[in-house]
Amino acid sequence: MAIKKELLDILACPQCKGDLRLNEAGIGLICDRCKLLYHIKDDIPVMLIDEAEKI
């Protein structure tokens, strides 16, 4: 896993403040409420709404 569980537990979607989950490929964090994928680059989640990918 590219991101530690402790970090995942405290991260929230910057748009709706909802929970995030690691996607199956481990390349990003998914907000099921907003249907956005926040990519992880160099083990750092990019939590910018403008750079998130719609899923």
C-alpha atoms as a PDB file:
ATOM      1  CA  MET A   1       0.000   0.000   0.000  1.00  0.00           C
ATOM      2  CA  ALA A   2       1.371   3.381  -0.991  1.00  0.00           C
ATOM      3  CA  ILE A   3      -0.218   5.181   1.953  1.00  0.00           C
ATOM      4  CA  LYS A   4      -0.302   4.259   5.639  1.00  0.00           C
ATOM      5  CA  LYS A   5      -3.615   3.367   7.254  1.00  0.00           C
ATOM      6  CA  GLU A   6      -3.074   5.978   9.989  1.00  0.00           C
ATOM      7  CA  LEU A   7      -2.877   8.725   7.351  1.00  0.00           C
ATOM      8  CA  LEU A   8      -5.866   7.364   5.450  1.00  0.00           C
ATOM      9  CA  ASP A   9      -7.913   7.419   8.670  1.00  0.00           C
ATOM     10  CA  ILE A  10      -7.413  11.174   9.137  1.00  0.00           C
ATOM     11  CA  LEU A  11      -7.674  12.327   5.510  1.00  0.00           C
ATOM     12  CA  ALA A  12     -10.981  13.691   4.240  1.00  0.00           C
ATOM     13  CA  CYS A  13     -12.235  14.770   0.845  1.00  0.00           C
ATOM     14  CA  PRO A  14     -11.430  18.469   0.438  1.00  0.00           C
ATOM     15  CA  GLN A  15     -14.726  19.044  -1.370  1.00  0.00           C
ATOM     16  CA  CYS A  16     -17.313  17.342   0.865  1.00  0.00           C
ATOM     17  CA  LYS A  17     -15.191  16.444   3.931  1.00  0.00           C
ATOM     18  CA  GLY A  18     -16.282  12.818   3.516  1.00  0.00           C
ATOM     19  CA  ASP A  19     -14.302   9.621   3.963  1.00  0.00           C
ATOM     20  CA  LEU A  20     -11.757   8.433   1.414  1.00  0.00           C
ATOM     21  CA  ARG A  21     -10.707   4.926   0.471  1.00  0.00           C
ATOM     22  CA  LEU A  22      -7.700   3.598  -1.391  1.00  0.00           C
ATOM     23  CA  ASN A  23      -8.585   2.440  -4.895  1.00  0.00           C
ATOM     24  CA  GLU A  24      -7.924  -1.153  -5.942  1.00  0.00           C
ATOM     25  CA  ALA A  25      -4.751  -0.317  -7.901  1.00  0.00           C
ATOM     26  CA  GLY A  26      -3.365   1.711  -4.996  1.00  0.00           C
ATOM     27  CA  ILE A  27      -2.743   4.776  -7.161  1.00  0.00           C
ATOM     28  CA  GLY A  28      -5.278   7.102  -5.577  1.00  0.00           C
ATOM     29  CA  LEU A  29      -7.887   7.891  -2.986  1.00  0.00           C
ATOM     30  CA  ILE A  30     -11.567   7.739  -3.883  1.00  0.00           C
ATOM     31  CA  CYS A  31     -14.398   9.819  -2.473  1.00  0.00           C
ATOM     32  CA  ASP A  32     -17.550   7.798  -3.137  1.00  0.00           C
ATOM     33  CA  ARG A  33     -19.799  10.773  -2.330  1.00  0.00           C
ATOM     34  CA  CYS A  34     -18.178  13.177  -4.853  1.00  0.00           C
ATOM     35  CA  LYS A  35     -17.089  10.449  -7.306  1.00  0.00           C
ATOM     36  CA  LEU A  36     -13.537  11.853  -7.388  1.00  0.00           C
ATOM     37  CA  LEU A  37     -10.149  10.138  -7.498  1.00  0.00           C
ATOM     38  CA  TYR A  38      -7.257  11.964  -5.845  1.00  0.00           C
ATOM     39  CA  HIS A  39      -3.997  10.602  -7.241  1.00  0.00           C
ATOM     40  CA  ILE A  40      -1.036   9.619  -5.088  1.00  0.00           C
ATOM     41  CA  LYS A  41       2.334  10.824  -6.419  1.00  0.00           C
ATOM     42  CA  ASP A  42       5.591   9.763  -4.734  1.00  0.00           C
ATOM     43  CA  ASP A  43       3.568   8.367  -1.789  1.00  0.00           C
ATOM     44  CA  ILE A  44       1.917  11.780  -1.233  1.00  0.00           C
ATOM     45  CA  PRO A  45      -1.810  12.234  -1.887  1.00  0.00           C
ATOM     46  CA  VAL A  46      -2.573  15.209  -4.137  1.00  0.00           C
ATOM     47  CA  MET A  47      -5.636  16.616  -2.378  1.00  0.00           C
ATOM     48  CA  LEU A  48      -6.452  19.386  -4.850  1.00  0.00           C
ATOM     49  CA  ILE A  49     -10.013  19.421  -6.169  1.00  0.00           C
ATOM     50  CA  ASP A  50      -8.880  20.860  -9.522  1.00  0.00           C
ATOM     51  CA  GLU A  51      -6.469  17.952 -10.037  1.00  0.00           C
ATOM     52  CA  ALA A  52      -8.890  15.213  -9.006  1.00  0.00           C
ATOM     53  CA  GLU A  53     -10.229  12.869 -11.663  1.00  0.00           C
ATOM     54  CA  LYS A  54     -13.972  12.231 -12.013  1.00  0.00           C
ATOM     55  CA  ILE A  55     -14.909   8.556 -11.853  1.00  0.00           C
END
